[in-house]
């Protein structure tokens, strides 16, 4: 379907992240922000009054009035909201991760195909200005990736483990660059302040021979989002947090440093929402599809299984005294 007018869109879930989506949508010419819905009626009312839109009393009321929806509710309810949206034929943007289980994520993928609904997953780092600016220097085969993602502890987001909360961003970037599923996974991780894994380190090996080492922690004293990529004769260090690129390139047997410019004039949330709206209007493909979201979750689940297998083995050894 092609929309010549701005897309009528609503936001479900207007907590911290959802309110950012509301703000950006209110500024994007491609969007006609119709209203919001949140189970917290007072929060919904506050945001609706701030942006001059409707605070809907329930999800179905909002869905009846829009052509597309942005879901920024907790991960645990992504499935039920996205399912309802797709069944009503509404194009759907879902914050990452797609859902909280592979079974429900697969169902969302299949439902979207069946009902011809466009679904985009909010893997925002694909739209990070530093990553976008660095892409032009990543021509050719990727040999090695190293990422370090650290976050100060925040109870918001602890409804899932650190792999689905933080590392999944770097899983998404890695799979987008290497374009293969890992053939081998080695992983370690432990719970520290929650009942789930709070820090993890992973080594992914791919059929082409490429390797990725990913580290994520949500109990750091500082925030860090470093993503390093090695291609033939070139190394890029991308600071996703500070939006900076450091590059070293081999030229005539010399290593020459270069600092590519980053166009940071626009933020990643605006860029991802615009991409979604253009796809809804028939002006381009979905950049981060439901299939991408499912594949990221599949790798995340493999990582978690490996971590828990290792934890069980350590506990068994402790119990036997070996």
Protein backbone atom coordinates (compact mmCIF):
# COMPACT_ATOMS: atom_id res chain seq x y z
CA UNK A 1 0.00 0.00 0.00
CA UNK A 2 1.25 3.50 -0.82
CA UNK A 3 0.47 6.49 1.40
CA UNK A 4 0.72 9.93 -0.19
CA UNK A 5 -0.22 11.60 3.09
CA UNK A 6 1.66 11.34 6.42
CA UNK A 7 1.19 7.95 8.03
CA UNK A 8 -1.34 7.91 10.86
CA UNK A 9 0.65 6.38 13.72
CA UNK A 10 0.21 5.70 17.43
CA UNK A 11 2.59 4.75 20.23
CA UNK A 12 1.95 1.94 22.71
CA UNK A 13 3.93 2.33 25.92
CA UNK A 14 5.02 5.84 26.85
CA UNK A 15 7.64 5.25 29.50
CA UNK A 16 11.13 6.68 29.01
CA UNK A 17 11.77 5.19 25.57
CA UNK A 18 8.18 5.45 24.38
CA UNK A 19 8.11 9.15 25.22
CA UNK A 20 11.18 9.65 23.01
CA UNK A 21 9.33 7.98 20.14
CA UNK A 22 6.37 10.28 20.73
CA UNK A 23 8.61 13.34 20.64
CA UNK A 24 10.36 12.30 17.43
CA UNK A 25 7.11 11.30 15.69
CA UNK A 26 5.63 14.69 16.56
CA UNK A 27 8.54 16.29 14.66
CA UNK A 28 8.67 14.01 11.59
CA UNK A 29 6.73 15.26 8.54
CA UNK A 30 6.16 11.66 7.39
CA UNK A 31 4.12 10.98 10.53
CA UNK A 32 0.71 12.11 11.72
CA UNK A 33 0.86 11.25 15.42
CA UNK A 34 -2.69 10.31 16.35
CA UNK A 35 -2.31 9.28 19.97
CA UNK A 36 -0.85 7.05 22.64
CA UNK A 37 -1.85 4.19 24.89
CA UNK A 38 -0.30 3.01 28.14
CA UNK A 39 -1.69 0.89 30.96
CA UNK A 40 -0.56 3.72 33.24
CA UNK A 41 -3.47 6.08 32.56
CA UNK A 42 -1.85 9.05 34.28
CA UNK A 43 1.35 8.69 32.29
CA UNK A 44 -0.65 8.35 29.08
CA UNK A 45 -2.68 11.46 29.93
CA UNK A 46 0.46 13.49 30.73
CA UNK A 47 2.19 12.60 27.44
CA UNK A 48 -0.99 13.11 25.38
CA UNK A 49 -1.49 16.58 26.83
CA UNK A 50 2.14 17.53 26.28
CA UNK A 51 1.97 16.67 22.57
CA UNK A 52 -1.66 17.49 21.91
CA UNK A 53 -2.75 13.98 20.92
CA UNK A 54 -5.37 11.49 22.11
CA UNK A 55 -4.83 9.27 25.16
CA UNK A 56 -6.67 6.10 24.14
CA UNK A 57 -8.39 4.05 26.81
CA UNK A 58 -7.35 0.70 25.33
CA UNK A 59 -5.15 -0.82 22.64
CA UNK A 60 -7.99 -1.69 20.27
CA UNK A 61 -9.29 1.89 20.27
CA UNK A 62 -5.86 3.17 19.22
CA UNK A 63 -5.40 0.49 16.55
CA UNK A 64 -8.73 1.33 14.95
CA UNK A 65 -7.55 4.92 14.34
CA UNK A 66 -4.05 4.36 12.93
CA UNK A 67 -2.26 2.82 9.96
CA UNK A 68 0.90 2.00 11.91
CA UNK A 69 1.96 1.58 15.51
CA UNK A 70 5.18 1.90 17.50
CA UNK A 71 5.44 -0.56 20.40
CA UNK A 72 7.71 0.61 23.22
CA UNK A 73 6.12 -1.38 26.03
CA UNK A 74 8.10 -3.90 28.15
CA UNK A 75 9.53 -6.88 26.23
CA UNK A 76 7.26 -9.30 28.08
CA UNK A 77 4.18 -7.85 26.34
CA UNK A 78 5.66 -7.25 22.88
CA UNK A 79 4.12 -10.43 21.52
CA UNK A 80 0.53 -9.83 22.57
CA UNK A 81 0.56 -6.20 21.40
CA UNK A 82 2.32 -6.92 18.08
CA UNK A 83 0.01 -9.86 17.42
CA UNK A 84 -3.08 -7.72 17.94
CA UNK A 85 -1.64 -4.99 15.74
CA UNK A 86 -0.78 -7.37 12.89
CA UNK A 87 -4.14 -9.14 13.04
CA UNK A 88 -5.77 -5.73 12.55
CA UNK A 89 -3.53 -5.11 9.53
CA UNK A 90 -1.46 -2.36 11.15
CA UNK A 91 2.18 -1.93 10.17
CA UNK A 92 4.22 -2.44 13.30
CA UNK A 93 7.46 -1.10 14.74
CA UNK A 94 8.56 -3.14 17.77
CA UNK A 95 11.37 -2.12 20.08
CA UNK A 96 14.10 -4.74 20.45
CA UNK A 97 14.02 -7.59 21.18
CA UNK A 98 11.14 -8.65 18.95
CA UNK A 99 9.53 -10.72 21.74
CA UNK A 100 10.75 -12.58 24.81
CA UNK A 101 10.82 -16.07 23.25
CA UNK A 102 11.76 -17.68 19.95
CA UNK A 103 8.36 -19.34 19.65
CA UNK A 104 6.44 -16.07 19.82
CA UNK A 105 9.01 -14.27 17.66
CA UNK A 106 8.57 -16.89 14.94
CA UNK A 107 4.79 -16.46 15.16
CA UNK A 108 5.14 -12.71 14.64
CA UNK A 109 7.28 -13.33 11.55
CA UNK A 110 4.70 -15.73 10.11
CA UNK A 111 1.72 -13.51 10.97
CA UNK A 112 3.37 -10.51 9.30
CA UNK A 113 3.83 -12.51 6.10
CA UNK A 114 0.29 -13.88 6.20
CA UNK A 115 -1.33 -10.49 6.69
CA UNK A 116 1.09 -8.56 4.46
CA UNK A 117 2.08 -6.28 7.33
CA UNK A 118 5.45 -4.58 7.52
CA UNK A 119 7.28 -5.14 10.80
CA UNK A 120 10.46 -3.32 11.81
CA UNK A 121 12.46 -4.15 14.94
CA UNK A 122 14.06 -1.32 16.88
CA UNK A 123 17.71 -2.31 16.64
CA UNK A 124 18.69 1.32 16.86
CA UNK A 125 22.45 0.93 16.39
CA UNK A 126 21.85 0.19 12.69
CA UNK A 127 20.90 3.86 12.50
CA UNK A 128 23.65 5.21 14.75
CA UNK A 129 25.27 8.06 12.77
CA UNK A 130 28.75 6.68 13.52
CA UNK A 131 27.84 3.21 12.21
CA UNK A 132 26.14 4.67 9.13
CA UNK A 133 29.18 6.84 8.39
CA UNK A 134 31.53 3.87 8.85
CA UNK A 135 29.63 1.53 6.50
CA UNK A 136 31.24 3.03 3.39
CA UNK A 137 34.65 1.94 4.68
CA UNK A 138 33.60 -1.68 5.31
CA UNK A 139 33.66 -2.83 1.71
CA UNK A 140 34.83 -6.37 1.22
CA UNK A 141 34.98 -9.29 3.58
CA UNK A 142 34.81 -8.72 7.34
CA UNK A 143 37.47 -10.78 9.11
CA UNK A 144 37.12 -9.87 12.76
CA UNK A 145 34.73 -7.93 14.99
CA UNK A 146 35.19 -6.94 18.61
CA UNK A 147 32.54 -5.14 20.63
CA UNK A 148 32.41 -3.88 24.21
CA UNK A 149 29.09 -2.60 25.52
CA UNK A 150 28.97 -1.45 29.13
CA UNK A 151 26.09 0.17 30.95
CA UNK A 152 25.55 1.55 34.45
CA UNK A 153 23.01 -0.56 36.32
CA UNK A 154 19.44 0.57 35.77
CA UNK A 155 16.43 -1.48 36.93
CA UNK A 156 14.65 -0.42 33.72
CA UNK A 157 15.39 -3.18 31.24
CA UNK A 158 16.04 -5.96 33.73
CA UNK A 159 12.93 -7.81 32.58
CA UNK A 160 15.39 -9.63 30.31
CA UNK A 161 19.03 -10.70 30.69
CA UNK A 162 22.01 -8.67 29.48
CA UNK A 163 22.14 -10.60 26.21
CA UNK A 164 18.64 -9.56 25.14
CA UNK A 165 18.99 -6.17 26.84
CA UNK A 166 22.40 -4.99 25.56
CA UNK A 167 24.40 -7.57 23.62
CA UNK A 168 21.64 -8.08 21.08
CA UNK A 169 22.56 -4.69 19.57
CA UNK A 170 26.02 -6.01 18.70
CA UNK A 171 24.65 -9.36 17.59
CA UNK A 172 22.48 -7.43 15.13
CA UNK A 173 25.38 -5.34 13.81
CA UNK A 174 27.60 -8.42 13.51
CA UNK A 175 25.04 -10.45 11.57
CA UNK A 176 24.26 -7.45 9.35
CA UNK A 177 27.94 -7.15 8.41
CA UNK A 178 28.97 -10.80 8.14
CA UNK A 179 25.65 -12.01 6.66
CA UNK A 180 26.05 -15.55 8.00
CA UNK A 181 24.77 -17.54 10.94
CA UNK A 182 27.49 -18.54 13.43
CA UNK A 183 28.79 -22.08 13.03
CA UNK A 184 30.26 -22.14 16.53
CA UNK A 185 29.53 -20.28 19.78
CA UNK A 186 31.60 -20.15 22.96
CA UNK A 187 30.22 -18.06 25.81
CA UNK A 188 30.60 -17.32 29.51
CA UNK A 189 28.43 -15.18 31.74
CA UNK A 190 27.10 -14.80 35.27
CA UNK A 191 24.28 -13.16 37.21
CA UNK A 192 25.60 -10.53 39.60
CA UNK A 193 22.84 -8.19 40.80
CA UNK A 194 19.76 -9.76 39.21
CA UNK A 195 18.50 -13.31 38.78
CA UNK A 196 19.54 -13.27 35.11
CA UNK A 197 22.90 -12.99 33.33
CA UNK A 198 24.31 -9.51 33.96
CA UNK A 199 27.70 -9.81 32.25
CA UNK A 200 28.67 -12.00 29.32
CA UNK A 201 31.49 -12.60 26.87
CA UNK A 202 30.92 -14.44 23.60
CA UNK A 203 33.03 -15.72 20.72
CA UNK A 204 31.16 -16.32 17.47
CA UNK A 205 32.82 -18.21 14.63
CA UNK A 206 31.34 -18.14 11.12
CA UNK A 207 31.55 -20.50 8.12
CA UNK A 208 33.61 -17.93 6.17
CA UNK A 209 36.25 -17.92 8.91
CA UNK A 210 35.16 -14.57 10.36
CA UNK A 211 35.23 -14.25 14.16
CA UNK A 212 33.40 -11.90 16.52
CA UNK A 213 34.15 -11.35 20.21
CA UNK A 214 31.29 -9.60 22.01
CA UNK A 215 31.24 -8.40 25.62
CA UNK A 216 28.27 -6.86 27.43
CA UNK A 217 27.80 -5.76 31.03
CA UNK A 218 25.03 -3.85 32.76
CA UNK A 219 26.89 -3.39 36.03
CA UNK A 220 29.65 -1.07 34.88
CA UNK A 221 30.58 2.26 36.46
CA UNK A 222 30.73 3.88 33.04
CA UNK A 223 28.90 3.72 29.74
CA UNK A 224 30.78 2.32 26.77
CA UNK A 225 29.70 1.25 23.29
CA UNK A 226 32.76 0.35 21.21
CA UNK A 227 32.50 -1.65 17.99
CA UNK A 228 35.68 -2.59 16.11
CA UNK A 229 35.77 -4.03 12.60
CA UNK A 230 38.73 -5.49 10.69
CA UNK A 231 38.53 -5.77 6.89
CA UNK A 232 41.33 -6.24 4.36
CA UNK A 233 44.00 -3.55 4.88
CA UNK A 234 41.73 -1.54 7.17
CA UNK A 235 40.68 -1.34 10.81
CA UNK A 236 37.82 0.76 12.15
CA UNK A 237 37.10 1.57 15.77
CA UNK A 238 33.56 2.94 16.06
CA UNK A 239 32.57 4.68 19.26
CA UNK A 240 28.79 4.35 19.10
CA UNK A 241 28.33 6.34 22.30
CA UNK A 242 30.47 9.35 21.40
CA UNK A 243 29.77 9.02 17.66
CA UNK A 244 33.39 8.89 16.58
CA UNK A 245 35.32 6.77 14.07
CA UNK A 246 39.04 6.05 14.27
CA UNK A 247 40.45 4.24 11.25
CA UNK A 248 43.85 2.83 10.31
CA UNK A 249 44.47 1.92 6.68
CA UNK A 250 47.39 0.25 4.97
CA UNK A 251 48.74 2.42 2.13
CA UNK A 252 51.96 1.41 0.35
CA UNK A 253 53.04 -0.76 3.29
CA UNK A 254 52.41 2.08 5.74
CA UNK A 255 49.64 2.30 8.35
CA UNK A 256 47.92 5.65 7.95
CA UNK A 257 45.48 6.94 10.61
CA UNK A 258 42.31 8.60 9.44
CA UNK A 259 39.33 10.00 11.31
CA UNK A 260 36.29 9.87 9.04
CA UNK A 261 33.66 12.54 9.64
CA UNK A 262 30.38 11.55 11.26
CA UNK A 263 27.15 13.26 10.31
CA UNK A 264 25.61 13.59 13.77
CA UNK A 265 23.08 16.21 12.77
CA UNK A 266 20.21 13.73 13.22
CA UNK A 267 19.58 11.19 15.94
CA UNK A 268 19.18 7.43 15.50
CA UNK A 269 15.56 7.27 16.75
CA UNK A 270 14.47 9.80 14.12
CA UNK A 271 16.36 7.92 11.40
CA UNK A 272 14.88 4.53 12.29
CA UNK A 273 11.34 5.91 12.53
CA UNK A 274 11.70 7.66 9.18
CA UNK A 275 12.94 4.42 7.61
CA UNK A 276 9.93 2.58 9.02
CA UNK A 277 7.49 5.22 7.78
CA UNK A 278 9.04 5.23 4.30
CA UNK A 279 8.66 1.46 4.17
CA UNK A 280 5.01 1.80 5.22
CA UNK A 281 4.50 4.36 2.44
CA UNK A 282 5.98 1.97 -0.10
CA UNK A 283 9.11 4.07 -0.57
CA UNK A 284 11.66 1.47 0.50
CA UNK A 285 12.25 -1.84 2.20
CA UNK A 286 12.15 -2.41 5.95
CA UNK A 287 15.75 -2.00 7.13
CA UNK A 288 15.58 -4.26 10.21
CA UNK A 289 12.91 -6.81 9.43
CA UNK A 290 11.04 -9.21 11.70
CA UNK A 291 13.22 -11.95 10.19
CA UNK A 292 16.32 -10.01 11.30
CA UNK A 293 14.85 -9.66 14.77
CA UNK A 294 14.14 -13.39 14.92
CA UNK A 295 17.64 -14.30 13.71
CA UNK A 296 19.18 -12.02 16.35
CA UNK A 297 17.07 -13.71 19.03
CA UNK A 298 18.03 -17.15 17.73
CA UNK A 299 21.73 -16.36 18.16
CA UNK A 300 21.01 -14.82 21.57
CA UNK A 301 19.25 -18.03 22.65
CA UNK A 302 22.20 -20.13 21.48
CA UNK A 303 24.49 -17.90 23.53
CA UNK A 304 22.31 -18.26 26.63
CA UNK A 305 22.18 -22.06 26.28
CA UNK A 306 25.97 -22.18 26.09
CA UNK A 307 26.33 -19.94 29.16
CA UNK A 308 23.90 -21.99 31.25
CA UNK A 309 25.53 -25.22 30.09
CA UNK A 310 28.85 -23.90 31.34
CA UNK A 311 27.32 -22.71 34.63
CA UNK A 312 25.78 -26.15 35.22
CA UNK A 313 29.10 -27.84 34.53
CA UNK A 314 30.90 -25.60 37.03
CA UNK A 315 28.26 -26.31 39.70
CA UNK A 316 28.44 -30.04 39.06
CA UNK A 317 32.21 -29.92 39.46
CA UNK A 318 31.82 -27.99 42.72
CA UNK A 319 29.32 -30.56 44.00
CA UNK A 320 31.63 -33.47 43.19
CA UNK A 321 34.70 -31.65 44.47
CA UNK A 322 36.55 -32.10 41.18
